[in-house]
Amino acid sequence: MERAEKREFVTELNEVFKASGSVVVAHYAGVTVAQMNDFRSKMRAAGGTVKVAKNRLARIALQGTESEGMADLFTGQTLIAYCDDPVTAPKVVMDFAKGNDKLVVIGGAMGATVLDADGVKSLATMPSLDELRAKLVGMIQTPATRIATIASAPASQLARVLNAYATKDEAA
């Protein structure tokens, strides 16, 4: 890599560390190219990105960001996975790591909070922003449908009573 490429890489990583909802750091020694391509496509489909990190450049890029505390994680063959949604990257990484023991999660960061491997696992079990939004909309809609049902119930009961009197008078 030339100096200009290194500067560009550091600037790009610095923006990633500042803007991402969460960043997951993992070792990938032993992962085949096909498996890595599969992993990248799964992450891309979920809205995230996977990059192989050059440790020295990643540590430089971390300077001046909230995630600066995770600089110690960059040793060995590391990759970073990140996404705007704080839960998406950990979910995809943990799902891939279940089927591939060569990918070892070492930690990550969510804003200023540095996470260890267990922290990333617990973050992966949380519902995503879209799931939370869907639950919230469902909770808001439920009372409205109940109110509509309750409001229409007296009218339908009155109609049934009137219908019963009408059929009783016709039968008599």
C-alpha atoms as a PDB file:
ATOM      1  CA  MET A   1       0.000   0.000   0.000  1.00  0.00           C
ATOM      2  CA  GLU A   2       1.265   3.440  -0.847  1.00  0.00           C
ATOM      3  CA  ARG A   3       1.064   6.365   1.564  1.00  0.00           C
ATOM      4  CA  ALA A   4      -1.900   7.937  -0.216  1.00  0.00           C
ATOM      5  CA  GLU A   5      -3.810   4.648  -0.074  1.00  0.00           C
ATOM      6  CA  LYS A   6      -2.992   4.299   3.613  1.00  0.00           C
ATOM      7  CA  ARG A   7      -4.225   7.832   4.338  1.00  0.00           C
ATOM      8  CA  GLU A   8      -7.430   7.134   2.434  1.00  0.00           C
ATOM      9  CA  PHE A   9      -7.922   3.826   4.307  1.00  0.00           C
ATOM     10  CA  VAL A  10      -7.374   5.513   7.692  1.00  0.00           C
ATOM     11  CA  THR A  11      -9.790   8.336   6.823  1.00  0.00           C
ATOM     12  CA  GLU A  12     -12.419   5.845   5.655  1.00  0.00           C
ATOM     13  CA  LEU A  13     -12.048   3.707   8.798  1.00  0.00           C
ATOM     14  CA  ASN A  14     -12.190   6.803  10.994  1.00  0.00           C
ATOM     15  CA  GLU A  15     -15.556   7.728   9.447  1.00  0.00           C
ATOM     16  CA  VAL A  16     -16.747   4.137   9.955  1.00  0.00           C
ATOM     17  CA  PHE A  17     -15.801   4.203  13.642  1.00  0.00           C
ATOM     18  CA  LYS A  18     -17.553   7.566  14.117  1.00  0.00           C
ATOM     19  CA  ALA A  19     -20.759   6.815  12.186  1.00  0.00           C
ATOM     20  CA  SER A  20     -21.496   3.119  12.755  1.00  0.00           C
ATOM     21  CA  GLY A  21     -24.054   1.932  15.268  1.00  0.00           C
ATOM     22  CA  SER A  22     -21.773  -0.943  16.212  1.00  0.00           C
ATOM     23  CA  VAL A  23     -18.458  -2.428  15.137  1.00  0.00           C
ATOM     24  CA  VAL A  24     -17.524  -6.081  15.658  1.00  0.00           C
ATOM     25  CA  VAL A  25     -13.889  -7.206  15.602  1.00  0.00           C
ATOM     26  CA  ALA A  26     -13.095 -10.862  14.846  1.00  0.00           C
ATOM     27  CA  HIS A  27     -10.187 -13.115  13.931  1.00  0.00           C
ATOM     28  CA  TYR A  28     -10.605 -14.879  10.619  1.00  0.00           C
ATOM     29  CA  ALA A  29      -7.519 -17.122  10.357  1.00  0.00           C
ATOM     30  CA  GLY A  30      -8.436 -20.261   8.431  1.00  0.00           C
ATOM     31  CA  VAL A  31     -11.591 -18.902   6.776  1.00  0.00           C
ATOM     32  CA  THR A  32     -11.570 -19.773   3.072  1.00  0.00           C
ATOM     33  CA  VAL A  33     -12.151 -17.222   0.328  1.00  0.00           C
ATOM     34  CA  ALA A  34     -15.507 -18.800  -0.537  1.00  0.00           C
ATOM     35  CA  GLN A  35     -16.622 -18.647   3.088  1.00  0.00           C
ATOM     36  CA  MET A  36     -15.469 -15.021   3.355  1.00  0.00           C
ATOM     37  CA  ASN A  37     -17.391 -14.118   0.186  1.00  0.00           C
ATOM     38  CA  ASP A  38     -20.475 -15.819   1.600  1.00  0.00           C
ATOM     39  CA  PHE A  39     -20.050 -13.918   4.872  1.00  0.00           C
ATOM     40  CA  ARG A  40     -19.657 -10.599   3.044  1.00  0.00           C
ATOM     41  CA  SER A  41     -22.749 -11.222   0.933  1.00  0.00           C
ATOM     42  CA  LYS A  42     -24.818 -12.043   4.040  1.00  0.00           C
ATOM     43  CA  MET A  43     -23.600  -8.879   5.739  1.00  0.00           C
ATOM     44  CA  ARG A  44     -24.268  -6.794   2.628  1.00  0.00           C
ATOM     45  CA  ALA A  45     -27.797  -8.215   2.379  1.00  0.00           C
ATOM     46  CA  ALA A  46     -28.406  -7.140   5.986  1.00  0.00           C
ATOM     47  CA  GLY A  47     -27.131  -3.629   5.276  1.00  0.00           C
ATOM     48  CA  GLY A  48     -23.669  -3.957   6.805  1.00  0.00           C
ATOM     49  CA  THR A  49     -20.081  -4.200   5.628  1.00  0.00           C
ATOM     50  CA  VAL A  50     -17.121  -6.477   6.345  1.00  0.00           C
ATOM     51  CA  LYS A  51     -13.539  -5.292   5.898  1.00  0.00           C
ATOM     52  CA  VAL A  52     -10.203  -6.868   6.607  1.00  0.00           C
ATOM     53  CA  ALA A  53      -8.446  -4.471   8.956  1.00  0.00           C
ATOM     54  CA  LYS A  54      -4.797  -3.634   8.889  1.00  0.00           C
ATOM     55  CA  ASN A  55      -4.143  -3.477  12.624  1.00  0.00           C
ATOM     56  CA  ARG A  56      -1.745  -0.538  12.713  1.00  0.00           C
ATOM     57  CA  LEU A  57      -3.943   1.548  10.423  1.00  0.00           C
ATOM     58  CA  ALA A  58      -7.078   0.618  12.358  1.00  0.00           C
ATOM     59  CA  ARG A  59      -5.469   1.777  15.612  1.00  0.00           C
ATOM     60  CA  ILE A  60      -4.551   5.079  13.958  1.00  0.00           C
ATOM     61  CA  ALA A  61      -8.107   5.440  12.634  1.00  0.00           C
ATOM     62  CA  LEU A  62      -9.532   4.853  16.122  1.00  0.00           C
ATOM     63  CA  GLN A  63      -7.725   7.904  17.533  1.00  0.00           C
ATOM     64  CA  GLY A  64     -10.159  10.712  18.276  1.00  0.00           C
ATOM     65  CA  THR A  65     -13.287   8.545  18.112  1.00  0.00           C
ATOM     66  CA  GLU A  66     -15.607   7.336  20.870  1.00  0.00           C
ATOM     67  CA  SER A  67     -14.505   3.750  20.176  1.00  0.00           C
ATOM     68  CA  GLU A  68     -10.845   4.452  20.912  1.00  0.00           C
ATOM     69  CA  GLY A  69     -10.898   1.973  23.816  1.00  0.00           C
ATOM     70  CA  MET A  70     -11.083  -1.030  21.518  1.00  0.00           C
ATOM     71  CA  ALA A  71      -7.627  -0.447  20.013  1.00  0.00           C
ATOM     72  CA  ASP A  72      -6.287  -3.425  22.009  1.00  0.00           C
ATOM     73  CA  LEU A  73      -8.520  -5.800  20.001  1.00  0.00           C
ATOM     74  CA  PHE A  74      -6.517  -5.292  16.817  1.00  0.00           C
ATOM     75  CA  THR A  75      -3.938  -8.085  17.009  1.00  0.00           C
ATOM     76  CA  GLY A  76      -3.500 -10.970  14.589  1.00  0.00           C
ATOM     77  CA  GLN A  77      -5.630 -11.437  11.477  1.00  0.00           C
ATOM     78  CA  THR A  78      -8.602  -9.204  12.188  1.00  0.00           C
ATOM     79  CA  LEU A  79     -11.656  -8.104  10.322  1.00  0.00           C
ATOM     80  CA  ILE A  80     -14.301  -5.587  11.230  1.00  0.00           C
ATOM     81  CA  ALA A  81     -18.012  -5.829  10.584  1.00  0.00           C
ATOM     82  CA  TYR A  82     -20.147  -2.754  10.970  1.00  0.00           C
ATOM     83  CA  CYS A  83     -23.596  -1.379  10.296  1.00  0.00           C
ATOM     84  CA  ASP A  84     -25.692   1.692  11.115  1.00  0.00           C
ATOM     85  CA  ASP A  85     -28.126  -0.476  13.070  1.00  0.00           C
ATOM     86  CA  PRO A  86     -26.388  -1.421  16.338  1.00  0.00           C
ATOM     87  CA  VAL A  87     -27.802  -4.969  16.334  1.00  0.00           C
ATOM     88  CA  THR A  88     -27.419  -6.041  12.682  1.00  0.00           C
ATOM     89  CA  ALA A  89     -23.640  -6.520  12.518  1.00  0.00           C
ATOM     90  CA  PRO A  90     -23.429  -8.571  15.741  1.00  0.00           C
ATOM     91  CA  LYS A  91     -26.377 -10.754  14.624  1.00  0.00           C
ATOM     92  CA  VAL A  92     -24.879 -11.558  11.224  1.00  0.00           C
ATOM     93  CA  VAL A  93     -21.400 -12.170  12.680  1.00  0.00           C
ATOM     94  CA  MET A  94     -22.708 -14.462  15.429  1.00  0.00           C
ATOM     95  CA  ASP A  95     -24.899 -16.388  12.965  1.00  0.00           C
ATOM     96  CA  PHE A  96     -21.914 -16.917  10.672  1.00  0.00           C
ATOM     97  CA  ALA A  97     -19.632 -17.829  13.598  1.00  0.00           C
ATOM     98  CA  LYS A  98     -22.075 -20.577  14.671  1.00  0.00           C
ATOM     99  CA  GLY A  99     -21.511 -22.396  11.394  1.00  0.00           C
ATOM    100  CA  ASN A 100     -17.820 -21.592  11.061  1.00  0.00           C
ATOM    101  CA  ASP A 101     -15.522 -22.135  14.032  1.00  0.00           C
ATOM    102  CA  LYS A 102     -12.626 -20.381  12.255  1.00  0.00           C
ATOM    103  CA  LEU A 103     -14.297 -16.990  12.739  1.00  0.00           C
ATOM    104  CA  VAL A 104     -13.664 -15.990  16.358  1.00  0.00           C
ATOM    105  CA  VAL A 105     -15.336 -12.873  17.737  1.00  0.00           C
ATOM    106  CA  ILE A 106     -12.995 -10.979  20.044  1.00  0.00           C
ATOM    107  CA  GLY A 107     -15.078  -7.916  20.796  1.00  0.00           C
ATOM    108  CA  GLY A 108     -16.311  -4.674  19.408  1.00  0.00           C
ATOM    109  CA  ALA A 109     -17.800  -1.324  20.243  1.00  0.00           C
ATOM    110  CA  MET A 110     -21.147   0.378  20.276  1.00  0.00           C
ATOM    111  CA  GLY A 111     -20.466   4.092  20.468  1.00  0.00           C
ATOM    112  CA  ALA A 112     -18.211   4.722  23.455  1.00  0.00           C
ATOM    113  CA  THR A 113     -19.008   1.312  24.972  1.00  0.00           C
ATOM    114  CA  VAL A 114     -16.304  -1.278  24.334  1.00  0.00           C
ATOM    115  CA  LEU A 115     -17.715  -4.805  24.177  1.00  0.00           C
ATOM    116  CA  ASP A 116     -16.040  -8.126  24.832  1.00  0.00           C
ATOM    117  CA  ALA A 117     -17.113 -11.313  23.009  1.00  0.00           C
ATOM    118  CA  ASP A 118     -19.960 -11.921  25.488  1.00  0.00           C
ATOM    119  CA  GLY A 119     -21.167  -8.340  25.013  1.00  0.00           C
ATOM    120  CA  VAL A 120     -21.331  -8.874  21.248  1.00  0.00           C
ATOM    121  CA  LYS A 121     -23.252 -12.139  21.801  1.00  0.00           C
ATOM    122  CA  SER A 122     -25.792 -10.446  24.061  1.00  0.00           C
ATOM    123  CA  LEU A 123     -26.168  -7.570  21.587  1.00  0.00           C
ATOM    124  CA  ALA A 124     -26.853 -10.126  18.844  1.00  0.00           C
ATOM    125  CA  THR A 125     -29.811 -11.534  20.800  1.00  0.00           C
ATOM    126  CA  MET A 126     -31.584  -8.175  20.985  1.00  0.00           C
ATOM    127  CA  PRO A 127     -34.301  -7.304  18.445  1.00  0.00           C
ATOM    128  CA  SER A 128     -33.290  -5.007  15.589  1.00  0.00           C
ATOM    129  CA  LEU A 129     -34.619  -1.483  15.156  1.00  0.00           C
ATOM    130  CA  ASP A 130     -37.104  -2.665  12.519  1.00  0.00           C
ATOM    131  CA  GLU A 131     -38.440  -5.384  14.841  1.00  0.00           C
ATOM    132  CA  LEU A 132     -38.806  -2.865  17.670  1.00  0.00           C
ATOM    133  CA  ARG A 133     -40.629  -0.448  15.372  1.00  0.00           C
ATOM    134  CA  ALA A 134     -43.008  -3.209  14.259  1.00  0.00           C
ATOM    135  CA  LYS A 135     -43.765  -4.112  17.890  1.00  0.00           C
ATOM    136  CA  LEU A 136     -44.380  -0.465  18.723  1.00  0.00           C
ATOM    137  CA  VAL A 137     -46.778  -0.016  15.794  1.00  0.00           C
ATOM    138  CA  GLY A 138     -48.584  -3.203  16.818  1.00  0.00           C
ATOM    139  CA  MET A 139     -48.926  -1.935  20.379  1.00  0.00           C
ATOM    140  CA  ILE A 140     -50.296   1.391  19.147  1.00  0.00           C
ATOM    141  CA  GLN A 141     -52.779  -0.249  16.754  1.00  0.00           C
ATOM    142  CA  THR A 142     -54.130  -2.757  19.267  1.00  0.00           C
ATOM    143  CA  PRO A 143     -55.858  -0.208  21.539  1.00  0.00           C
ATOM    144  CA  ALA A 144     -57.399   1.499  18.505  1.00  0.00           C
ATOM    145  CA  THR A 145     -58.965  -1.755  17.257  1.00  0.00           C
ATOM    146  CA  ARG A 146     -60.205  -2.557  20.759  1.00  0.00           C
ATOM    147  CA  ILE A 147     -61.840   0.871  21.037  1.00  0.00           C
ATOM    148  CA  ALA A 148     -63.499   0.402  17.643  1.00  0.00           C
ATOM    149  CA  THR A 149     -64.795  -3.023  18.698  1.00  0.00           C
ATOM    150  CA  ILE A 150     -66.144  -1.715  21.998  1.00  0.00           C
ATOM    151  CA  ALA A 151     -67.761   1.298  20.321  1.00  0.00           C
ATOM    152  CA  SER A 152     -69.486  -0.853  17.719  1.00  0.00           C
ATOM    153  CA  ALA A 153     -70.572  -3.544  20.210  1.00  0.00           C
ATOM    154  CA  PRO A 154     -73.526  -1.635  21.772  1.00  0.00           C
ATOM    155  CA  ALA A 155     -74.881  -0.764  18.345  1.00  0.00           C
ATOM    156  CA  SER A 156     -74.684  -4.363  17.172  1.00  0.00           C
ATOM    157  CA  GLN A 157     -76.331  -5.575  20.385  1.00  0.00           C
ATOM    158  CA  LEU A 158     -79.152  -3.042  19.913  1.00  0.00           C
ATOM    159  CA  ALA A 159     -79.614  -4.226  16.315  1.00  0.00           C
ATOM    160  CA  ARG A 160     -79.826  -7.845  17.504  1.00  0.00           C
ATOM    161  CA  VAL A 161     -82.449  -6.960  20.132  1.00  0.00           C
ATOM    162  CA  LEU A 162     -84.543  -5.050  17.578  1.00  0.00           C
ATOM    163  CA  ASN A 163     -84.232  -7.920  15.118  1.00  0.00           C
ATOM    164  CA  ALA A 164     -85.365 -10.368  17.797  1.00  0.00           C
ATOM    165  CA  TYR A 165     -88.455  -8.235  18.570  1.00  0.00           C
ATOM    166  CA  ALA A 166     -89.210  -7.916  14.850  1.00  0.00           C
ATOM    167  CA  THR A 167     -88.995 -11.669  14.254  1.00  0.00           C
ATOM    168  CA  LYS A 168     -91.080 -12.291  17.416  1.00  0.00           C
ATOM    169  CA  ASP A 169     -93.820  -9.935  16.183  1.00  0.00           C
ATOM    170  CA  GLU A 170     -93.816 -11.568  12.746  1.00  0.00           C
ATOM    171  CA  ALA A 171     -94.114 -15.029  14.288  1.00  0.00           C
ATOM    172  CA  ALA A 172     -97.064 -13.959  16.451  1.00  0.00           C
END
